[in-house]
Every structure is written in structure tokens, then in C-alpha cells.
Amino acid sequence: MAKQAFYRAAEEMAPDTTADTYLRPAFSLQVRVRRQLWNICWPLLYRPSPRPWHGWRAWVLLIFGAKMGPNCHFYPGSRIWAPWNLECADQVTAGDGTEI
């Protein structure tokens, strides 16, 4: 049975700003800070790593909250937008040019 995606954007927003959608930011401060930190670490730790270092890239993703099964391979040309939302089963591969 396929797993259903569960995500509610309102849970990621600050509660005091949910009244008017035009006056509030799209994401909470915590999500924006995490996103900015990932945007700093991705070109420094993930992108320049050698192609065979799948374990290194998996470790970097795990530090940022990804949930992955064993034997996952992420290549340096893949782009992960929010690793804390990433859930992978066993033997998943994300090749160059992949955006998740």
C-alpha cells in the first residue's frame, strides 16, 4: 500500500499571522532559518563531495533530519530542497539533475 503524503502548511506558520494571508510570511521563522542554514551547507558540504561518497552525502542529509533506509545513493548533482521533509525507503538513488 502506498504511503500518503501528510503536510499541512498552516502547522508551519506562526499562529498569530494566520488570519491574513497577504500580511504573513509563507513559512515560520524556524523553517526559514533551517532553509537558510541548508542553503549555506549544501554548496559547502554536499555539492563539492566526490561522486563515490554516497555515505557522506547521506550523513549530511541525516543531520538535517532526513529519514532514509539503507543503501541510499545521492549524487552531488542532486538538489534536495528541504531534507527534513525527505523520507526514502531502501535503495533509493537520486542522480545528477534530480530535484527533490
PDB file of N, CA and C in Angstrom:
ATOM      1  N   MET A   1       0.834  -1.168   0.000  1.00  0.00           N
ATOM      2  CA  MET A   1       0.000   0.000   0.000  1.00  0.00           C
ATOM      3  C   MET A   1       0.888   1.242   0.000  1.00  0.00           C
ATOM      4  N   ALA A   2       0.578   2.179  -0.842  1.00  0.00           N
ATOM      5  CA  ALA A   2       1.377   3.397  -0.958  1.00  0.00           C
ATOM      6  C   ALA A   2       1.151   4.292   0.254  1.00  0.00           C
ATOM      7  N   LYS A   3       2.215   4.915   0.700  1.00  0.00           N
ATOM      8  CA  LYS A   3       2.139   5.816   1.838  1.00  0.00           C
ATOM      9  C   LYS A   3       1.645   7.174   1.361  1.00  0.00           C
ATOM     10  N   GLN A   4       0.685   7.728   2.056  1.00  0.00           N
ATOM     11  CA  GLN A   4       0.118   9.020   1.690  1.00  0.00           C
ATOM     12  C   GLN A   4       0.957  10.149   2.293  1.00  0.00           C
ATOM     13  N   ALA A   5       1.178  11.168   1.512  1.00  0.00           N
ATOM     14  CA  ALA A   5       1.915  12.327   1.996  1.00  0.00           C
ATOM     15  C   ALA A   5       1.038  13.110   2.962  1.00  0.00           C
ATOM     16  N   PHE A   6       1.610  13.570   4.053  1.00  0.00           N
ATOM     17  CA  PHE A   6       0.875  14.332   5.055  1.00  0.00           C
ATOM     18  C   PHE A   6       1.637  15.612   5.331  1.00  0.00           C
ATOM     19  N   TYR A   7       1.049  16.717   4.946  1.00  0.00           N
ATOM     20  CA  TYR A   7       1.690  18.004   5.178  1.00  0.00           C
ATOM     21  C   TYR A   7       0.612  19.065   5.234  1.00  0.00           C
ATOM     22  N   ARG A   8       0.641  19.843   6.284  1.00  0.00           N
ATOM     23  CA  ARG A   8      -0.290  20.962   6.414  1.00  0.00           C
ATOM     24  C   ARG A   8       0.535  22.223   6.580  1.00  0.00           C
ATOM     25  N   ALA A   9       0.417  23.126   5.630  1.00  0.00           N
ATOM     26  CA  ALA A   9       1.228  24.343   5.651  1.00  0.00           C
ATOM     27  C   ALA A   9       0.906  25.213   6.859  1.00  0.00           C
ATOM     28  N   ALA A  10      -0.339  25.180   7.336  1.00  0.00           N
ATOM     29  CA  ALA A  10      -0.716  26.023   8.467  1.00  0.00           C
ATOM     30  C   ALA A  10       0.050  25.635   9.735  1.00  0.00           C
ATOM     31  N   GLU A  11       0.470  24.387   9.839  1.00  0.00           N
ATOM     32  CA  GLU A  11       1.232  23.967  11.010  1.00  0.00           C
ATOM     33  C   GLU A  11       2.640  24.556  11.015  1.00  0.00           C
ATOM     34  N   GLU A  12       3.141  24.954   9.867  1.00  0.00           N
ATOM     35  CA  GLU A  12       4.482  25.514   9.761  1.00  0.00           C
ATOM     36  C   GLU A  12       4.491  27.027   9.938  1.00  0.00           C
ATOM     37  N   MET A  13       3.323  27.652  10.062  1.00  0.00           N
ATOM     38  CA  MET A  13       3.240  29.102  10.157  1.00  0.00           C
ATOM     39  C   MET A  13       3.017  29.536  11.596  1.00  0.00           C
ATOM     40  N   ALA A  14       3.443  30.725  11.879  1.00  0.00           N
ATOM     41  CA  ALA A  14       3.220  31.279  13.208  1.00  0.00           C
ATOM     42  C   ALA A  14       1.718  31.481  13.420  1.00  0.00           C
ATOM     43  N   PRO A  15       1.173  31.141  14.593  1.00  0.00           N
ATOM     44  CA  PRO A  15      -0.280  31.196  14.789  1.00  0.00           C
ATOM     45  C   PRO A  15      -0.857  32.603  14.749  1.00  0.00           C
ATOM     46  N   ASP A  16      -0.092  33.608  15.137  1.00  0.00           N
ATOM     47  CA  ASP A  16      -0.624  34.963  15.154  1.00  0.00           C
ATOM     48  C   ASP A  16      -0.748  35.575  13.762  1.00  0.00           C
ATOM     49  N   THR A  17      -0.189  34.968  12.751  1.00  0.00           N
ATOM     50  CA  THR A  17      -0.210  35.551  11.410  1.00  0.00           C
ATOM     51  C   THR A  17      -1.089  34.769  10.448  1.00  0.00           C
ATOM     52  N   THR A  18      -1.882  33.826  10.931  1.00  0.00           N
ATOM     53  CA  THR A  18      -2.678  33.009  10.022  1.00  0.00           C
ATOM     54  C   THR A  18      -3.959  33.689   9.570  1.00  0.00           C
ATOM     55  N   ALA A  19      -4.303  34.834  10.141  1.00  0.00           N
ATOM     56  CA  ALA A  19      -5.557  35.486   9.797  1.00  0.00           C
ATOM     57  C   ALA A  19      -5.536  36.055   8.376  1.00  0.00           C
ATOM     58  N   ASP A  20      -4.551  36.833   8.044  1.00  0.00           N
ATOM     59  CA  ASP A  20      -4.494  37.472   6.730  1.00  0.00           C
ATOM     60  C   ASP A  20      -3.345  36.884   5.929  1.00  0.00           C
ATOM     61  N   THR A  21      -3.667  36.192   4.857  1.00  0.00           N
ATOM     62  CA  THR A  21      -2.641  35.501   4.084  1.00  0.00           C
ATOM     63  C   THR A  21      -1.714  36.446   3.330  1.00  0.00           C
ATOM     64  N   TYR A  22      -2.110  37.691   3.144  1.00  0.00           N
ATOM     65  CA  TYR A  22      -1.265  38.633   2.418  1.00  0.00           C
ATOM     66  C   TYR A  22      -0.255  39.341   3.316  1.00  0.00           C
ATOM     67  N   LEU A  23      -0.468  39.309   4.618  1.00  0.00           N
ATOM     68  CA  LEU A  23       0.399  40.033   5.531  1.00  0.00           C
ATOM     69  C   LEU A  23       1.405  39.154   6.251  1.00  0.00           C
ATOM     70  N   ARG A  24       1.292  37.863   6.140  1.00  0.00           N
ATOM     71  CA  ARG A  24       2.177  36.965   6.864  1.00  0.00           C
ATOM     72  C   ARG A  24       3.179  36.316   5.924  1.00  0.00           C
ATOM     73  N   PRO A  25       4.310  35.917   6.451  1.00  0.00           N
ATOM     74  CA  PRO A  25       5.258  35.173   5.623  1.00  0.00           C
ATOM     75  C   PRO A  25       4.702  33.782   5.325  1.00  0.00           C
ATOM     76  N   ALA A  26       5.178  33.193   4.256  1.00  0.00           N
ATOM     77  CA  ALA A  26       4.684  31.887   3.844  1.00  0.00           C
ATOM     78  C   ALA A  26       5.099  30.790   4.812  1.00  0.00           C
ATOM     79  N   PHE A  27       6.244  30.943   5.477  1.00  0.00           N
ATOM     80  CA  PHE A  27       6.738  29.927   6.399  1.00  0.00           C
ATOM     81  C   PHE A  27       7.148  30.575   7.713  1.00  0.00           C
ATOM     82  N   SER A  28       7.191  29.772   8.761  1.00  0.00           N
ATOM     83  CA  SER A  28       7.580  30.284  10.077  1.00  0.00           C
ATOM     84  C   SER A  28       9.065  30.640  10.082  1.00  0.00           C
ATOM     85  N   LEU A  29       9.455  31.364  11.101  1.00  0.00           N
ATOM     86  CA  LEU A  29      10.855  31.765  11.233  1.00  0.00           C
ATOM     87  C   LEU A  29      11.758  30.545  11.368  1.00  0.00           C
ATOM     88  N   GLN A  30      11.320  29.537  12.086  1.00  0.00           N
ATOM     89  CA  GLN A  30      12.118  28.321  12.261  1.00  0.00           C
ATOM     90  C   GLN A  30      12.393  27.634  10.926  1.00  0.00           C
ATOM     91  N   VAL A  31      11.395  27.535  10.087  1.00  0.00           N
ATOM     92  CA  VAL A  31      11.578  26.904   8.777  1.00  0.00           C
ATOM     93  C   VAL A  31      12.490  27.758   7.900  1.00  0.00           C
ATOM     94  N   ARG A  32      12.324  29.067   7.955  1.00  0.00           N
ATOM     95  CA  ARG A  32      13.183  29.942   7.157  1.00  0.00           C
ATOM     96  C   ARG A  32      14.637  29.878   7.606  1.00  0.00           C
ATOM     97  N   VAL A  33      14.879  29.774   8.920  1.00  0.00           N
ATOM     98  CA  VAL A  33      16.254  29.658   9.422  1.00  0.00           C
ATOM     99  C   VAL A  33      16.862  28.330   9.001  1.00  0.00           C
ATOM    100  N   ARG A  34      16.084  27.233   9.136  1.00  0.00           N
ATOM    101  CA  ARG A  34      16.582  25.921   8.699  1.00  0.00           C
ATOM    102  C   ARG A  34      16.899  25.922   7.213  1.00  0.00           C
ATOM    103  N   ARG A  35      16.041  26.543   6.431  1.00  0.00           N
ATOM    104  CA  ARG A  35      16.247  26.608   4.980  1.00  0.00           C
ATOM    105  C   ARG A  35      17.514  27.391   4.647  1.00  0.00           C
ATOM    106  N   GLN A  36      17.721  28.486   5.342  1.00  0.00           N
ATOM    107  CA  GLN A  36      18.919  29.292   5.097  1.00  0.00           C
ATOM    108  C   GLN A  36      20.182  28.531   5.490  1.00  0.00           C
ATOM    109  N   LEU A  37      20.143  27.831   6.613  1.00  0.00           N
ATOM    110  CA  LEU A  37      21.285  27.030   7.046  1.00  0.00           C
ATOM    111  C   LEU A  37      21.594  25.927   6.026  1.00  0.00           C
ATOM    112  N   TRP A  38      20.552  25.287   5.497  1.00  0.00           N
ATOM    113  CA  TRP A  38      20.757  24.259   4.469  1.00  0.00           C
ATOM    114  C   TRP A  38      21.339  24.886   3.196  1.00  0.00           C
ATOM    115  N   ASN A  39      20.878  26.078   2.834  1.00  0.00           N
ATOM    116  CA  ASN A  39      21.408  26.745   1.638  1.00  0.00           C
ATOM    117  C   ASN A  39      22.872  27.136   1.797  1.00  0.00           C
ATOM    118  N   ILE A  40      23.346  27.250   3.017  1.00  0.00           N
ATOM    119  CA  ILE A  40      24.768  27.504   3.259  1.00  0.00           C
ATOM    120  C   ILE A  40      25.552  26.195   3.222  1.00  0.00           C
ATOM    121  N   CYS A  41      25.009  25.152   3.834  1.00  0.00           N
ATOM    122  CA  CYS A  41      25.729  23.873   3.934  1.00  0.00           C
ATOM    123  C   CYS A  41      25.713  23.074   2.636  1.00  0.00           C
ATOM    124  N   TRP A  42      24.665  23.218   1.824  1.00  0.00           N
ATOM    125  CA  TRP A  42      24.584  22.433   0.591  1.00  0.00           C
ATOM    126  C   TRP A  42      25.779  22.686  -0.335  1.00  0.00           C
ATOM    127  N   PRO A  43      26.143  23.949  -0.645  1.00  0.00           N
ATOM    128  CA  PRO A  43      27.298  24.138  -1.545  1.00  0.00           C
ATOM    129  C   PRO A  43      28.652  23.889  -0.879  1.00  0.00           C
ATOM    130  N   LEU A  44      28.703  23.868   0.451  1.00  0.00           N
ATOM    131  CA  LEU A  44      29.972  23.641   1.142  1.00  0.00           C
ATOM    132  C   LEU A  44      30.235  22.170   1.455  1.00  0.00           C
ATOM    133  N   LEU A  45      29.211  21.420   1.837  1.00  0.00           N
ATOM    134  CA  LEU A  45      29.396  20.043   2.290  1.00  0.00           C
ATOM    135  C   LEU A  45      28.863  18.993   1.320  1.00  0.00           C
ATOM    136  N   TYR A  46      27.773  19.293   0.654  1.00  0.00           N
ATOM    137  CA  TYR A  46      27.089  18.295  -0.168  1.00  0.00           C
ATOM    138  C   TYR A  46      27.562  18.327  -1.627  1.00  0.00           C
ATOM    139  N   ARG A  47      27.465  19.459  -2.243  1.00  0.00           N
ATOM    140  CA  ARG A  47      27.731  19.603  -3.682  1.00  0.00           C
ATOM    141  C   ARG A  47      29.170  19.285  -4.087  1.00  0.00           C
ATOM    142  N   PRO A  48      30.208  19.754  -3.371  1.00  0.00           N
ATOM    143  CA  PRO A  48      31.580  19.501  -3.842  1.00  0.00           C
ATOM    144  C   PRO A  48      32.129  18.121  -3.476  1.00  0.00           C
ATOM    145  N   SER A  49      31.349  17.297  -2.795  1.00  0.00           N
ATOM    146  CA  SER A  49      31.868  15.976  -2.392  1.00  0.00           C
ATOM    147  C   SER A  49      32.082  15.090  -3.621  1.00  0.00           C
ATOM    148  N   PRO A  50      33.091  14.229  -3.590  1.00  0.00           N
ATOM    149  CA  PRO A  50      33.351  13.327  -4.719  1.00  0.00           C
ATOM    150  C   PRO A  50      32.169  12.385  -4.974  1.00  0.00           C
ATOM    151  N   ARG A  51      32.004  11.992  -6.236  1.00  0.00           N
ATOM    152  CA  ARG A  51      30.859  11.164  -6.626  1.00  0.00           C
ATOM    153  C   ARG A  51      30.703   9.877  -5.814  1.00  0.00           C
ATOM    154  N   PRO A  52      31.753   9.137  -5.489  1.00  0.00           N
ATOM    155  CA  PRO A  52      31.544   7.884  -4.752  1.00  0.00           C
ATOM    156  C   PRO A  52      31.220   8.049  -3.262  1.00  0.00           C
ATOM    157  N   TRP A  53      31.201   9.239  -2.737  1.00  0.00           N
ATOM    158  CA  TRP A  53      30.968   9.462  -1.317  1.00  0.00           C
ATOM    159  C   TRP A  53      29.467   9.526  -0.988  1.00  0.00           C
ATOM    160  N   HIS A  54      28.741   8.487  -1.305  1.00  0.00           N
ATOM    161  CA  HIS A  54      27.297   8.459  -1.042  1.00  0.00           C
ATOM    162  C   HIS A  54      27.018   8.496   0.457  1.00  0.00           C
ATOM    163  N   GLY A  55      27.858   7.812   1.235  1.00  0.00           N
ATOM    164  CA  GLY A  55      27.676   7.798   2.685  1.00  0.00           C
ATOM    165  C   GLY A  55      27.813   9.177   3.305  1.00  0.00           C
ATOM    166  N   TRP A  56      28.757   9.960   2.802  1.00  0.00           N
ATOM    167  CA  TRP A  56      28.946  11.332   3.303  1.00  0.00           C
ATOM    168  C   TRP A  56      27.702  12.172   3.057  1.00  0.00           C
ATOM    169  N   ARG A  57      27.190  12.124   1.816  1.00  0.00           N
ATOM    170  CA  ARG A  57      26.004  12.917   1.492  1.00  0.00           C
ATOM    171  C   ARG A  57      24.786  12.429   2.276  1.00  0.00           C
ATOM    172  N   ALA A  58      24.669  11.121   2.481  1.00  0.00           N
ATOM    173  CA  ALA A  58      23.569  10.592   3.290  1.00  0.00           C
ATOM    174  C   ALA A  58      23.690  11.078   4.734  1.00  0.00           C
ATOM    175  N   TRP A  59      24.910  11.117   5.258  1.00  0.00           N
ATOM    176  CA  TRP A  59      25.133  11.613   6.614  1.00  0.00           C
ATOM    177  C   TRP A  59      24.746  13.085   6.740  1.00  0.00           C
ATOM    178  N   VAL A  60      25.119  13.898   5.743  1.00  0.00           N
ATOM    179  CA  VAL A  60      24.756  15.325   5.762  1.00  0.00           C
ATOM    180  C   VAL A  60      23.236  15.464   5.748  1.00  0.00           C
ATOM    181  N   LEU A  61      22.550  14.665   4.928  1.00  0.00           N
ATOM    182  CA  LEU A  61      21.092  14.717   4.887  1.00  0.00           C
ATOM    183  C   LEU A  61      20.484  14.260   6.216  1.00  0.00           C
ATOM    184  N   LEU A  62      21.057  13.245   6.824  1.00  0.00           N
ATOM    185  CA  LEU A  62      20.552  12.758   8.113  1.00  0.00           C
ATOM    186  C   LEU A  62      20.695  13.815   9.201  1.00  0.00           C
ATOM    187  N   ILE A  63      21.789  14.570   9.176  1.00  0.00           N
ATOM    188  CA  ILE A  63      21.980  15.645  10.152  1.00  0.00           C
ATOM    189  C   ILE A  63      20.870  16.690  10.031  1.00  0.00           C
ATOM    190  N   PHE A  64      20.406  16.922   8.820  1.00  0.00           N
ATOM    191  CA  PHE A  64      19.344  17.899   8.592  1.00  0.00           C
ATOM    192  C   PHE A  64      17.948  17.291   8.716  1.00  0.00           C
ATOM    193  N   GLY A  65      17.849  16.060   9.197  1.00  0.00           N
ATOM    194  CA  GLY A  65      16.548  15.495   9.524  1.00  0.00           C
ATOM    195  C   GLY A  65      15.941  14.554   8.508  1.00  0.00           C
ATOM    196  N   ALA A  66      16.668  14.148   7.483  1.00  0.00           N
ATOM    197  CA  ALA A  66      16.129  13.198   6.512  1.00  0.00           C
ATOM    198  C   ALA A  66      15.986  11.823   7.148  1.00  0.00           C
ATOM    199  N   LYS A  67      15.000  11.079   6.695  1.00  0.00           N
ATOM    200  CA  LYS A  67      14.805   9.701   7.149  1.00  0.00           C
ATOM    201  C   LYS A  67      15.050   8.802   5.949  1.00  0.00           C
ATOM    202  N   MET A  68      16.110   7.985   6.029  1.00  0.00           N
ATOM    203  CA  MET A  68      16.493   7.170   4.891  1.00  0.00           C
ATOM    204  C   MET A  68      16.731   5.731   5.307  1.00  0.00           C
ATOM    205  N   GLY A  69      16.373   4.820   4.409  1.00  0.00           N
ATOM    206  CA  GLY A  69      16.670   3.420   4.600  1.00  0.00           C
ATOM    207  C   GLY A  69      18.109   3.137   4.195  1.00  0.00           C
ATOM    208  N   PRO A  70      18.551   1.901   4.364  1.00  0.00           N
ATOM    209  CA  PRO A  70      19.928   1.565   3.998  1.00  0.00           C
ATOM    210  C   PRO A  70      20.143   1.564   2.485  1.00  0.00           C
ATOM    211  N   ASN A  71      21.376   1.772   2.105  1.00  0.00           N
ATOM    212  CA  ASN A  71      21.812   1.683   0.714  1.00  0.00           C
ATOM    213  C   ASN A  71      21.196   2.759  -0.183  1.00  0.00           C
ATOM    214  N   CYS A  72      21.059   3.985   0.329  1.00  0.00           N
ATOM    215  CA  CYS A  72      20.572   5.106  -0.489  1.00  0.00           C
ATOM    216  C   CYS A  72      21.775   5.822  -1.099  1.00  0.00           C
ATOM    217  N   HIS A  73      21.655   6.181  -2.353  1.00  0.00           N
ATOM    218  CA  HIS A  73      22.737   6.865  -3.060  1.00  0.00           C
ATOM    219  C   HIS A  73      22.239   8.204  -3.589  1.00  0.00           C
ATOM    220  N   PHE A  74      22.850   9.261  -3.119  1.00  0.00           N
ATOM    221  CA  PHE A  74      22.554  10.603  -3.601  1.00  0.00           C
ATOM    222  C   PHE A  74      23.811  11.145  -4.253  1.00  0.00           C
ATOM    223  N   TYR A  75      23.699  11.551  -5.487  1.00  0.00           N
ATOM    224  CA  TYR A  75      24.850  12.070  -6.223  1.00  0.00           C
ATOM    225  C   TYR A  75      24.976  13.569  -5.990  1.00  0.00           C
ATOM    226  N   PRO A  76      26.192  14.114  -6.154  1.00  0.00           N
ATOM    227  CA  PRO A  76      26.407  15.532  -5.822  1.00  0.00           C
ATOM    228  C   PRO A  76      25.623  16.496  -6.703  1.00  0.00           C
ATOM    229  N   GLY A  77      25.181  16.066  -7.862  1.00  0.00           N
ATOM    230  CA  GLY A  77      24.403  16.952  -8.731  1.00  0.00           C
ATOM    231  C   GLY A  77      22.922  16.986  -8.399  1.00  0.00           C
ATOM    232  N   SER A  78      22.492  16.209  -7.392  1.00  0.00           N
ATOM    233  CA  SER A  78      21.081  16.228  -6.997  1.00  0.00           C
ATOM    234  C   SER A  78      20.825  17.399  -6.057  1.00  0.00           C
ATOM    235  N   ARG A  79      19.631  17.896  -6.102  1.00  0.00           N
ATOM    236  CA  ARG A  79      19.270  19.060  -5.276  1.00  0.00           C
ATOM    237  C   ARG A  79      18.119  18.672  -4.355  1.00  0.00           C
ATOM    238  N   ILE A  80      18.340  18.735  -3.061  1.00  0.00           N
ATOM    239  CA  ILE A  80      17.324  18.448  -2.064  1.00  0.00           C
ATOM    240  C   ILE A  80      16.917  19.784  -1.455  1.00  0.00           C
ATOM    241  N   TRP A  81      15.664  20.167  -1.573  1.00  0.00           N
ATOM    242  CA  TRP A  81      15.219  21.487  -1.127  1.00  0.00           C
ATOM    243  C   TRP A  81      15.011  21.563   0.379  1.00  0.00           C
ATOM    244  N   ALA A  82      14.425  20.514   0.963  1.00  0.00           N
ATOM    245  CA  ALA A  82      14.179  20.511   2.409  1.00  0.00           C
ATOM    246  C   ALA A  82      14.446  19.106   2.932  1.00  0.00           C
ATOM    247  N   PRO A  83      15.672  18.817   3.365  1.00  0.00           N
ATOM    248  CA  PRO A  83      15.996  17.460   3.799  1.00  0.00           C
ATOM    249  C   PRO A  83      15.160  16.972   4.972  1.00  0.00           C
ATOM    250  N   TRP A  84      14.661  17.854   5.812  1.00  0.00           N
ATOM    251  CA  TRP A  84      13.838  17.451   6.959  1.00  0.00           C
ATOM    252  C   TRP A  84      12.496  16.888   6.497  1.00  0.00           C
ATOM    253  N   ASN A  85      12.112  17.091   5.245  1.00  0.00           N
ATOM    254  CA  ASN A  85      10.886  16.509   4.697  1.00  0.00           C
ATOM    255  C   ASN A  85      11.166  15.248   3.878  1.00  0.00           C
ATOM    256  N   LEU A  86      12.413  14.861   3.757  1.00  0.00           N
ATOM    257  CA  LEU A  86      12.793  13.732   2.907  1.00  0.00           C
ATOM    258  C   LEU A  86      12.640  12.412   3.653  1.00  0.00           C
ATOM    259  N   GLU A  87      11.878  11.490   3.076  1.00  0.00           N
ATOM    260  CA  GLU A  87      11.737  10.132   3.597  1.00  0.00           C
ATOM    261  C   GLU A  87      11.963   9.174   2.444  1.00  0.00           C
ATOM    262  N   CYS A  88      12.987   8.344   2.551  1.00  0.00           N
ATOM    263  CA  CYS A  88      13.344   7.404   1.489  1.00  0.00           C
ATOM    264  C   CYS A  88      13.317   5.983   2.035  1.00  0.00           C
ATOM    265  N   ALA A  89      12.924   5.065   1.180  1.00  0.00           N
ATOM    266  CA  ALA A  89      12.955   3.646   1.537  1.00  0.00           C
ATOM    267  C   ALA A  89      14.344   3.087   1.229  1.00  0.00           C
ATOM    268  N   ASP A  90      14.473   1.780   1.199  1.00  0.00           N
ATOM    269  CA  ASP A  90      15.751   1.131   0.910  1.00  0.00           C
ATOM    270  C   ASP A  90      16.128   1.327  -0.560  1.00  0.00           C
ATOM    271  N   GLN A  91      17.404   1.480  -0.821  1.00  0.00           N
ATOM    272  CA  GLN A  91      17.984   1.513  -2.161  1.00  0.00           C
ATOM    273  C   GLN A  91      17.383   2.589  -3.064  1.00  0.00           C
ATOM    274  N   VAL A  92      17.333   3.806  -2.567  1.00  0.00           N
ATOM    275  CA  VAL A  92      16.871   4.940  -3.356  1.00  0.00           C
ATOM    276  C   VAL A  92      18.086   5.639  -3.945  1.00  0.00           C
ATOM    277  N   THR A  93      17.990   6.030  -5.208  1.00  0.00           N
ATOM    278  CA  THR A  93      19.069   6.752  -5.869  1.00  0.00           C
ATOM    279  C   THR A  93      18.534   8.055  -6.440  1.00  0.00           C
ATOM    280  N   ALA A  94      19.224   9.148  -6.177  1.00  0.00           N
ATOM    281  CA  ALA A  94      18.906  10.453  -6.760  1.00  0.00           C
ATOM    282  C   ALA A  94      20.115  10.869  -7.580  1.00  0.00           C
ATOM    283  N   GLY A  95      19.988  10.800  -8.886  1.00  0.00           N
ATOM    284  CA  GLY A  95      21.105  11.095  -9.781  1.00  0.00           C
ATOM    285  C   GLY A  95      21.278  12.583 -10.008  1.00  0.00           C
ATOM    286  N   ASP A  96      22.293  12.919 -10.810  1.00  0.00           N
ATOM    287  CA  ASP A  96      22.557  14.319 -11.152  1.00  0.00           C
ATOM    288  C   ASP A  96      21.349  14.923 -11.852  1.00  0.00           C
ATOM    289  N   GLY A  97      21.035  16.145 -11.492  1.00  0.00           N
ATOM    290  CA  GLY A  97      19.916  16.858 -12.089  1.00  0.00           C
ATOM    291  C   GLY A  97      18.582  16.584 -11.415  1.00  0.00           C
ATOM    292  N   THR A  98      18.564  15.738 -10.398  1.00  0.00           N
ATOM    293  CA  THR A  98      17.323  15.440  -9.684  1.00  0.00           C
ATOM    294  C   THR A  98      17.047  16.530  -8.662  1.00  0.00           C
ATOM    295  N   GLU A  99      15.790  16.973  -8.613  1.00  0.00           N
ATOM    296  CA  GLU A  99      15.362  17.926  -7.591  1.00  0.00           C
ATOM    297  C   GLU A  99      14.267  17.295  -6.765  1.00  0.00           C
ATOM    298  N   ILE A 100      14.504  17.260  -5.447  1.00  0.00           N
ATOM    299  CA  ILE A 100      13.516  16.685  -4.533  1.00  0.00           C
ATOM    300  C   ILE A 100      13.147  17.747  -3.521  1.00  0.00           C
TER     301      ILE A 100
END
